[in-house]
Amino acid sequence: MKLVTRFELAAKNEIELYALLREAFNELAGSELDSFQRRNAPASVENIQNKIASRALSP
């Protein structure tokens, strides 16, 4: 999985954000210890969670 940036997330709706979050969690769970997926997935998860939270705070 490539790193999902905040810029990319700005164009996504809530359903797409949750789908990406699920995909990133699954990628993290199935990745090998020293793989690039293991490095990118947690950062992507954090970016997605931050975007979801920021949308929940703003009307």
PDB file of N, CA and C in Angstrom:
ATOM      1  N   MET A   1       0.844  -1.180   0.000  1.00  0.00           N
ATOM      2  CA  MET A   1       0.000   0.000   0.000  1.00  0.00           C
ATOM      3  C   MET A   1       0.884   1.236   0.000  1.00  0.00           C
ATOM      4  N   LYS A   2       0.519   2.167  -0.853  1.00  0.00           N
ATOM      5  CA  LYS A   2       1.260   3.417  -0.859  1.00  0.00           C
ATOM      6  C   LYS A   2       0.728   4.310   0.266  1.00  0.00           C
ATOM      7  N   LEU A   3       1.519   5.246   0.662  1.00  0.00           N
ATOM      8  CA  LEU A   3       1.127   6.167   1.715  1.00  0.00           C
ATOM      9  C   LEU A   3      -0.032   7.026   1.241  1.00  0.00           C
ATOM     10  N   VAL A   4      -1.083   7.091   2.039  1.00  0.00           N
ATOM     11  CA  VAL A   4      -2.243   7.917   1.720  1.00  0.00           C
ATOM     12  C   VAL A   4      -2.023   9.270   2.398  1.00  0.00           C
ATOM     13  N   THR A   5      -1.976  10.321   1.587  1.00  0.00           N
ATOM     14  CA  THR A   5      -1.679  11.651   2.118  1.00  0.00           C
ATOM     15  C   THR A   5      -2.951  12.411   2.469  1.00  0.00           C
ATOM     16  N   ARG A   6      -2.794  13.440   3.270  1.00  0.00           N
ATOM     17  CA  ARG A   6      -3.928  14.288   3.636  1.00  0.00           C
ATOM     18  C   ARG A   6      -4.508  14.988   2.417  1.00  0.00           C
ATOM     19  N   PHE A   7      -3.672  15.297   1.448  1.00  0.00           N
ATOM     20  CA  PHE A   7      -4.135  15.942   0.227  1.00  0.00           C
ATOM     21  C   PHE A   7      -5.093  15.024  -0.532  1.00  0.00           C
ATOM     22  N   GLU A   8      -4.751  13.752  -0.633  1.00  0.00           N
ATOM     23  CA  GLU A   8      -5.616  12.787  -1.312  1.00  0.00           C
ATOM     24  C   GLU A   8      -6.938  12.603  -0.574  1.00  0.00           C
ATOM     25  N   LEU A   9      -6.888  12.657   0.734  1.00  0.00           N
ATOM     26  CA  LEU A   9      -8.073  12.412   1.543  1.00  0.00           C
ATOM     27  C   LEU A   9      -9.078  13.552   1.466  1.00  0.00           C
ATOM     28  N   ALA A  10      -8.635  14.737   1.122  1.00  0.00           N
ATOM     29  CA  ALA A  10      -9.527  15.894   1.070  1.00  0.00           C
ATOM     30  C   ALA A  10     -10.640  15.698   0.041  1.00  0.00           C
ATOM     31  N   ALA A  11     -10.396  14.922  -0.989  1.00  0.00           N
ATOM     32  CA  ALA A  11     -11.384  14.723  -2.054  1.00  0.00           C
ATOM     33  C   ALA A  11     -12.308  13.539  -1.790  1.00  0.00           C
ATOM     34  N   LYS A  12     -12.124  12.841  -0.687  1.00  0.00           N
ATOM     35  CA  LYS A  12     -12.911  11.636  -0.399  1.00  0.00           C
ATOM     36  C   LYS A  12     -14.104  11.959   0.488  1.00  0.00           C
ATOM     37  N   ASN A  13     -15.192  11.204   0.277  1.00  0.00           N
ATOM     38  CA  ASN A  13     -16.333  11.358   1.177  1.00  0.00           C
ATOM     39  C   ASN A  13     -16.159  10.398   2.362  1.00  0.00           C
ATOM     40  N   GLU A  14     -17.104  10.433   3.289  1.00  0.00           N
ATOM     41  CA  GLU A  14     -16.971   9.659   4.524  1.00  0.00           C
ATOM     42  C   GLU A  14     -16.933   8.156   4.262  1.00  0.00           C
ATOM     43  N   ILE A  15     -17.741   7.684   3.357  1.00  0.00           N
ATOM     44  CA  ILE A  15     -17.771   6.252   3.037  1.00  0.00           C
ATOM     45  C   ILE A  15     -16.427   5.813   2.467  1.00  0.00           C
ATOM     46  N   GLU A  16     -15.858   6.618   1.581  1.00  0.00           N
ATOM     47  CA  GLU A  16     -14.557   6.298   0.994  1.00  0.00           C
ATOM     48  C   GLU A  16     -13.458   6.324   2.050  1.00  0.00           C
ATOM     49  N   LEU A  17     -13.555   7.250   3.001  1.00  0.00           N
ATOM     50  CA  LEU A  17     -12.559   7.320   4.069  1.00  0.00           C
ATOM     51  C   LEU A  17     -12.577   6.050   4.920  1.00  0.00           C
ATOM     52  N   TYR A  18     -13.772   5.596   5.275  1.00  0.00           N
ATOM     53  CA  TYR A  18     -13.865   4.383   6.083  1.00  0.00           C
ATOM     54  C   TYR A  18     -13.411   3.147   5.304  1.00  0.00           C
ATOM     55  N   ALA A  19     -13.657   3.116   4.010  1.00  0.00           N
ATOM     56  CA  ALA A  19     -13.185   2.004   3.183  1.00  0.00           C
ATOM     57  C   ALA A  19     -11.660   1.993   3.116  1.00  0.00           C
ATOM     58  N   LEU A  20     -11.063   3.178   2.961  1.00  0.00           N
ATOM     59  CA  LEU A  20      -9.598   3.272   2.959  1.00  0.00           C
ATOM     60  C   LEU A  20      -9.016   2.886   4.309  1.00  0.00           C
ATOM     61  N   LEU A  21      -9.694   3.276   5.373  1.00  0.00           N
ATOM     62  CA  LEU A  21      -9.233   2.925   6.713  1.00  0.00           C
ATOM     63  C   LEU A  21      -9.228   1.413   6.889  1.00  0.00           C
ATOM     64  N   ARG A  22     -10.278   0.748   6.444  1.00  0.00           N
ATOM     65  CA  ARG A  22     -10.345  -0.706   6.525  1.00  0.00           C
ATOM     66  C   ARG A  22      -9.233  -1.346   5.712  1.00  0.00           C
ATOM     67  N   GLU A  23      -9.006  -0.822   4.516  1.00  0.00           N
ATOM     68  CA  GLU A  23      -7.955  -1.356   3.648  1.00  0.00           C
ATOM     69  C   GLU A  23      -6.572  -1.198   4.300  1.00  0.00           C
ATOM     70  N   ALA A  24      -6.322  -0.054   4.911  1.00  0.00           N
ATOM     71  CA  ALA A  24      -5.034   0.195   5.550  1.00  0.00           C
ATOM     72  C   ALA A  24      -4.833  -0.721   6.758  1.00  0.00           C
ATOM     73  N   PHE A  25      -5.894  -0.929   7.560  1.00  0.00           N
ATOM     74  CA  PHE A  25      -5.804  -1.850   8.696  1.00  0.00           C
ATOM     75  C   PHE A  25      -5.508  -3.271   8.222  1.00  0.00           C
ATOM     76  N   ASN A  26      -6.204  -3.699   7.163  1.00  0.00           N
ATOM     77  CA  ASN A  26      -5.979  -5.047   6.633  1.00  0.00           C
ATOM     78  C   ASN A  26      -4.558  -5.197   6.091  1.00  0.00           C
ATOM     79  N   GLU A  27      -4.072  -4.164   5.442  1.00  0.00           N
ATOM     80  CA  GLU A  27      -2.704  -4.188   4.919  1.00  0.00           C
ATOM     81  C   GLU A  27      -1.694  -4.292   6.062  1.00  0.00           C
ATOM     82  N   LEU A  28      -1.935  -3.557   7.114  1.00  0.00           N
ATOM     83  CA  LEU A  28      -1.054  -3.602   8.284  1.00  0.00           C
ATOM     84  C   LEU A  28      -1.062  -4.990   8.918  1.00  0.00           C
ATOM     85  N   ALA A  29      -2.244  -5.563   9.061  1.00  0.00           N
ATOM     86  CA  ALA A  29      -2.367  -6.878   9.697  1.00  0.00           C
ATOM     87  C   ALA A  29      -1.689  -7.975   8.880  1.00  0.00           C
ATOM     88  N   GLY A  30      -1.706  -7.852   7.554  1.00  0.00           N
ATOM     89  CA  GLY A  30      -1.147  -8.898   6.720  1.00  0.00           C
ATOM     90  C   GLY A  30       0.268  -8.662   6.249  1.00  0.00           C
ATOM     91  N   SER A  31       0.890  -7.594   6.714  1.00  0.00           N
ATOM     92  CA  SER A  31       2.219  -7.254   6.212  1.00  0.00           C
ATOM     93  C   SER A  31       3.330  -7.945   7.005  1.00  0.00           C
ATOM     94  N   GLU A  32       4.457  -8.100   6.356  1.00  0.00           N
ATOM     95  CA  GLU A  32       5.650  -8.662   6.998  1.00  0.00           C
ATOM     96  C   GLU A  32       6.339  -7.569   7.820  1.00  0.00           C
ATOM     97  N   LEU A  33       7.137  -7.973   8.783  1.00  0.00           N
ATOM     98  CA  LEU A  33       7.708  -7.017   9.735  1.00  0.00           C
ATOM     99  C   LEU A  33       8.541  -5.905   9.102  1.00  0.00           C
ATOM    100  N   ASP A  34       9.417  -6.216   8.194  1.00  0.00           N
ATOM    101  CA  ASP A  34      10.309  -5.193   7.645  1.00  0.00           C
ATOM    102  C   ASP A  34       9.939  -4.788   6.223  1.00  0.00           C
ATOM    103  N   SER A  35       8.652  -4.737   5.932  1.00  0.00           N
ATOM    104  CA  SER A  35       8.216  -4.388   4.579  1.00  0.00           C
ATOM    105  C   SER A  35       7.803  -2.919   4.514  1.00  0.00           C
ATOM    106  N   PHE A  36       7.733  -2.418   3.290  1.00  0.00           N
ATOM    107  CA  PHE A  36       7.314  -1.023   3.147  1.00  0.00           C
ATOM    108  C   PHE A  36       5.841  -0.868   3.511  1.00  0.00           C
ATOM    109  N   GLN A  37       5.048  -1.946   3.380  1.00  0.00           N
ATOM    110  CA  GLN A  37       3.653  -1.871   3.804  1.00  0.00           C
ATOM    111  C   GLN A  37       3.547  -1.632   5.304  1.00  0.00           C
ATOM    112  N   ARG A  38       4.458  -2.245   6.048  1.00  0.00           N
ATOM    113  CA  ARG A  38       4.450  -2.094   7.505  1.00  0.00           C
ATOM    114  C   ARG A  38       4.801  -0.666   7.912  1.00  0.00           C
ATOM    115  N   ARG A  39       5.572   0.018   7.076  1.00  0.00           N
ATOM    116  CA  ARG A  39       5.923   1.410   7.379  1.00  0.00           C
ATOM    117  C   ARG A  39       4.837   2.380   6.927  1.00  0.00           C
ATOM    118  N   ASN A  40       4.228   2.121   5.768  1.00  0.00           N
ATOM    119  CA  ASN A  40       3.245   3.046   5.208  1.00  0.00           C
ATOM    120  C   ASN A  40       1.859   2.906   5.825  1.00  0.00           C
ATOM    121  N   ALA A  41       1.456   1.703   6.159  1.00  0.00           N
ATOM    122  CA  ALA A  41       0.097   1.475   6.657  1.00  0.00           C
ATOM    123  C   ALA A  41      -0.212   2.253   7.937  1.00  0.00           C
ATOM    124  N   PRO A  42       0.646   2.244   8.964  1.00  0.00           N
ATOM    125  CA  PRO A  42       0.310   3.008  10.174  1.00  0.00           C
ATOM    126  C   PRO A  42       0.218   4.516   9.915  1.00  0.00           C
ATOM    127  N   ALA A  43       1.065   5.027   9.046  1.00  0.00           N
ATOM    128  CA  ALA A  43       1.004   6.453   8.719  1.00  0.00           C
ATOM    129  C   ALA A  43      -0.280   6.762   7.960  1.00  0.00           C
ATOM    130  N   SER A  44      -0.680   5.875   7.071  1.00  0.00           N
ATOM    131  CA  SER A  44      -1.934   6.061   6.338  1.00  0.00           C
ATOM    132  C   SER A  44      -3.125   6.006   7.285  1.00  0.00           C
ATOM    133  N   VAL A  45      -3.118   5.043   8.197  1.00  0.00           N
ATOM    134  CA  VAL A  45      -4.192   4.919   9.182  1.00  0.00           C
ATOM    135  C   VAL A  45      -4.311   6.212   9.988  1.00  0.00           C
ATOM    136  N   GLU A  46      -3.190   6.727  10.425  1.00  0.00           N
ATOM    137  CA  GLU A  46      -3.202   7.966  11.206  1.00  0.00           C
ATOM    138  C   GLU A  46      -3.756   9.131  10.387  1.00  0.00           C
ATOM    139  N   ASN A  47      -3.326   9.259   9.149  1.00  0.00           N
ATOM    140  CA  ASN A  47      -3.829  10.334   8.292  1.00  0.00           C
ATOM    141  C   ASN A  47      -5.338  10.222   8.082  1.00  0.00           C
ATOM    142  N   ILE A  48      -5.813   9.016   7.850  1.00  0.00           N
ATOM    143  CA  ILE A  48      -7.244   8.802   7.624  1.00  0.00           C
ATOM    144  C   ILE A  48      -8.042   9.105   8.889  1.00  0.00           C
ATOM    145  N   GLN A  49      -7.571   8.615  10.017  1.00  0.00           N
ATOM    146  CA  GLN A  49      -8.262   8.871  11.279  1.00  0.00           C
ATOM    147  C   GLN A  49      -8.302  10.361  11.598  1.00  0.00           C
ATOM    148  N   ASN A  50      -7.222  11.064  11.326  1.00  0.00           N
ATOM    149  CA  ASN A  50      -7.195  12.512  11.561  1.00  0.00           C
ATOM    150  C   ASN A  50      -8.196  13.235  10.670  1.00  0.00           C
ATOM    151  N   LYS A  51      -8.310  12.796   9.414  1.00  0.00           N
ATOM    152  CA  LYS A  51      -9.254  13.422   8.489  1.00  0.00           C
ATOM    153  C   LYS A  51     -10.691  13.172   8.933  1.00  0.00           C
ATOM    154  N   ILE A  52     -10.991  11.949   9.345  1.00  0.00           N
ATOM    155  CA  ILE A  52     -12.334  11.624   9.835  1.00  0.00           C
ATOM    156  C   ILE A  52     -12.659  12.471  11.059  1.00  0.00           C
ATOM    157  N   ALA A  53     -11.712  12.588  11.973  1.00  0.00           N
ATOM    158  CA  ALA A  53     -11.928  13.378  13.179  1.00  0.00           C
ATOM    159  C   ALA A  53     -12.116  14.856  12.873  1.00  0.00           C
ATOM    160  N   SER A  54     -11.345  15.366  11.932  1.00  0.00           N
ATOM    161  CA  SER A  54     -11.454  16.796  11.607  1.00  0.00           C
ATOM    162  C   SER A  54     -12.815  17.098  10.971  1.00  0.00           C
ATOM    163  N   ARG A  55     -13.337  16.166  10.199  1.00  0.00           N
ATOM    164  CA  ARG A  55     -14.668  16.365   9.604  1.00  0.00           C
ATOM    165  C   ARG A  55     -15.757  16.263  10.648  1.00  0.00           C
ATOM    166  N   ALA A  56     -15.555  15.444  11.650  1.00  0.00           N
ATOM    167  CA  ALA A  56     -16.560  15.312  12.716  1.00  0.00           C
ATOM    168  C   ALA A  56     -16.635  16.577  13.556  1.00  0.00           C
ATOM    169  N   LEU A  57     -15.526  17.291  13.656  1.00  0.00           N
ATOM    170  CA  LEU A  57     -15.491  18.506  14.473  1.00  0.00           C
ATOM    171  C   LEU A  57     -16.053  19.720  13.751  1.00  0.00           C
ATOM    172  N   SER A  58     -15.952  19.725  12.432  1.00  0.00           N
ATOM    173  CA  SER A  58     -16.433  20.894  11.685  1.00  0.00           C
ATOM    174  C   SER A  58     -17.809  20.608  11.077  1.00  0.00           C
ATOM    175  N   PRO A  59     -18.734  21.531  11.215  1.00  0.00           N
ATOM    176  CA  PRO A  59     -20.101  21.303  10.695  1.00  0.00           C
ATOM    177  C   PRO A  59     -20.162  21.336   9.184  1.00  0.00           C
TER     178      PRO A  59
END
